Amino acid sequence: MFFFNKEDVYIGSSMEELSKVREILKREGIKYTYKAIDSSGKWLGPGTSRGNYGSFGMNKNYEKQYVVSVRKKDAENAKYLVHRILHS
């Protein structure tokens, strides 16, 4: 979509917040991309970190990180909207 011309406007670990961010951007007509990064699924040697070491002591609420990106020209407006929706 806009591979080189993007800026992150939300980085967090809450699926609820991600949903709110996507909703407000969609409502305002701002195109965005998002990705989920699962830190426990990274490959280390013969398997994933969870597979090698288990998940004891891992906080499930922070296992995934969500990143929402928009075009640079929309970033300032998107950041304002994200801040307003998450902190009001």
C-alpha atoms as a PDB file:
ATOM      1  CA  MET A   1       0.000   0.000   0.000  1.00  0.00           C
ATOM      2  CA  PHE A   2       2.443   2.672   1.168  1.00  0.00           C
ATOM      3  CA  PHE A   3       5.540   0.744   2.163  1.00  0.00           C
ATOM      4  CA  PHE A   4       8.155   3.521   2.370  1.00  0.00           C
ATOM      5  CA  ASN A   5       5.919   6.475   3.090  1.00  0.00           C
ATOM      6  CA  LYS A   6       4.398   5.474   6.435  1.00  0.00           C
ATOM      7  CA  GLU A   7       4.535   6.442  10.071  1.00  0.00           C
ATOM      8  CA  ASP A   8       3.444   4.490  13.149  1.00  0.00           C
ATOM      9  CA  VAL A   9       0.601   6.174  15.044  1.00  0.00           C
ATOM     10  CA  TYR A  10      -0.146   3.446  17.590  1.00  0.00           C
ATOM     11  CA  ILE A  11       2.032   0.826  19.251  1.00  0.00           C
ATOM     12  CA  GLY A  12       0.492  -1.132  22.099  1.00  0.00           C
ATOM     13  CA  SER A  13      -0.495  -4.491  23.505  1.00  0.00           C
ATOM     14  CA  SER A  14      -4.243  -4.045  23.967  1.00  0.00           C
ATOM     15  CA  MET A  15      -6.618  -5.627  21.468  1.00  0.00           C
ATOM     16  CA  GLU A  16      -9.349  -3.310  22.797  1.00  0.00           C
ATOM     17  CA  GLU A  17      -7.258  -0.199  22.095  1.00  0.00           C
ATOM     18  CA  LEU A  18      -6.332  -1.545  18.653  1.00  0.00           C
ATOM     19  CA  SER A  19     -10.013  -1.921  17.868  1.00  0.00           C
ATOM     20  CA  LYS A  20     -10.738   1.668  18.940  1.00  0.00           C
ATOM     21  CA  VAL A  21      -7.829   3.013  16.866  1.00  0.00           C
ATOM     22  CA  ARG A  22      -8.908   1.116  13.755  1.00  0.00           C
ATOM     23  CA  GLU A  23     -12.508   2.242  14.221  1.00  0.00           C
ATOM     24  CA  ILE A  24     -11.667   5.964  14.465  1.00  0.00           C
ATOM     25  CA  LEU A  25      -9.271   5.850  11.505  1.00  0.00           C
ATOM     26  CA  LYS A  26     -11.844   4.028   9.393  1.00  0.00           C
ATOM     27  CA  ARG A  27     -14.586   6.469  10.411  1.00  0.00           C
ATOM     28  CA  GLU A  28     -12.385   9.446   9.459  1.00  0.00           C
ATOM     29  CA  GLY A  29     -11.405   7.887   6.125  1.00  0.00           C
ATOM     30  CA  ILE A  30      -7.701   7.536   6.926  1.00  0.00           C
ATOM     31  CA  LYS A  31      -6.117   4.519   5.240  1.00  0.00           C
ATOM     32  CA  TYR A  32      -3.973   2.427   7.564  1.00  0.00           C
ATOM     33  CA  THR A  33      -2.147  -0.849   7.899  1.00  0.00           C
ATOM     34  CA  TYR A  34      -1.602  -2.836  11.060  1.00  0.00           C
ATOM     35  CA  LYS A  35       0.410  -5.793  12.197  1.00  0.00           C
ATOM     36  CA  ALA A  36       0.564  -8.029  15.235  1.00  0.00           C
ATOM     37  CA  ILE A  37       3.966  -9.093  16.538  1.00  0.00           C
ATOM     38  CA  ASP A  38       4.015 -12.216  18.714  1.00  0.00           C
ATOM     39  CA  SER A  39       7.194 -12.189  20.791  1.00  0.00           C
ATOM     40  CA  SER A  40       6.719 -15.753  22.013  1.00  0.00           C
ATOM     41  CA  GLY A  41       6.636 -17.121  18.473  1.00  0.00           C
ATOM     42  CA  LYS A  42      10.136 -15.994  17.474  1.00  0.00           C
ATOM     43  CA  TRP A  43      12.467 -18.737  16.308  1.00  0.00           C
ATOM     44  CA  LEU A  44      15.460 -19.466  18.536  1.00  0.00           C
ATOM     45  CA  GLY A  45      17.635 -22.353  17.460  1.00  0.00           C
ATOM     46  CA  PRO A  46      15.605 -25.549  17.051  1.00  0.00           C
ATOM     47  CA  GLY A  47      12.218 -23.964  17.780  1.00  0.00           C
ATOM     48  CA  THR A  48      10.269 -20.989  19.069  1.00  0.00           C
ATOM     49  CA  SER A  49      11.053 -19.348  22.388  1.00  0.00           C
ATOM     50  CA  ARG A  50       7.781 -20.647  23.833  1.00  0.00           C
ATOM     51  CA  GLY A  51       8.555 -24.127  22.485  1.00  0.00           C
ATOM     52  CA  ASN A  52      12.085 -24.101  23.911  1.00  0.00           C
ATOM     53  CA  TYR A  53      11.416 -22.532  27.302  1.00  0.00           C
ATOM     54  CA  GLY A  54       7.665 -22.793  27.849  1.00  0.00           C
ATOM     55  CA  SER A  55       5.414 -19.925  28.844  1.00  0.00           C
ATOM     56  CA  PHE A  56       5.771 -20.005  32.627  1.00  0.00           C
ATOM     57  CA  GLY A  57       6.048 -16.477  33.988  1.00  0.00           C
ATOM     58  CA  MET A  58       4.969 -14.806  30.749  1.00  0.00           C
ATOM     59  CA  ASN A  59       2.201 -12.243  31.037  1.00  0.00           C
ATOM     60  CA  LYS A  60      -0.347 -13.144  28.342  1.00  0.00           C
ATOM     61  CA  ASN A  61      -1.550  -9.509  28.233  1.00  0.00           C
ATOM     62  CA  TYR A  62       1.815  -8.395  26.835  1.00  0.00           C
ATOM     63  CA  GLU A  63       2.597 -11.332  24.590  1.00  0.00           C
ATOM     64  CA  LYS A  64       1.496  -9.526  21.417  1.00  0.00           C
ATOM     65  CA  GLN A  65       2.321  -6.038  20.227  1.00  0.00           C
ATOM     66  CA  TYR A  66       0.107  -4.207  17.746  1.00  0.00           C
ATOM     67  CA  VAL A  67       1.385  -1.511  15.387  1.00  0.00           C
ATOM     68  CA  VAL A  68      -0.863   0.768  13.309  1.00  0.00           C
ATOM     69  CA  SER A  69       0.712   2.817  10.503  1.00  0.00           C
ATOM     70  CA  VAL A  70      -0.646   5.539   8.219  1.00  0.00           C
ATOM     71  CA  ARG A  71       0.728   7.607   5.345  1.00  0.00           C
ATOM     72  CA  LYS A  72       3.080  10.334   6.510  1.00  0.00           C
ATOM     73  CA  LYS A  73       0.764  13.037   5.170  1.00  0.00           C
ATOM     74  CA  ASP A  74      -2.036  11.705   7.449  1.00  0.00           C
ATOM     75  CA  ALA A  75       0.156  11.056  10.501  1.00  0.00           C
ATOM     76  CA  GLU A  76      -0.445  14.287  12.421  1.00  0.00           C
ATOM     77  CA  ASN A  77      -4.230  14.050  12.117  1.00  0.00           C
ATOM     78  CA  ALA A  78      -4.179  10.318  12.901  1.00  0.00           C
ATOM     79  CA  LYS A  79      -2.051  10.831  16.027  1.00  0.00           C
ATOM     80  CA  TYR A  80      -4.483  13.482  17.242  1.00  0.00           C
ATOM     81  CA  LEU A  81      -7.452  11.143  16.688  1.00  0.00           C
ATOM     82  CA  VAL A  82      -5.707   8.205  18.364  1.00  0.00           C
ATOM     83  CA  HIS A  83      -4.776  10.325  21.376  1.00  0.00           C
ATOM     84  CA  ARG A  84      -8.311  11.698  21.641  1.00  0.00           C
ATOM     85  CA  ILE A  85      -9.972   8.270  21.445  1.00  0.00           C
ATOM     86  CA  LEU A  86      -7.602   6.592  23.929  1.00  0.00           C
ATOM     87  CA  HIS A  87      -7.269   9.394  26.490  1.00  0.00           C
ATOM     88  CA  SER A  88     -10.719  10.935  26.708  1.00  0.00           C
END
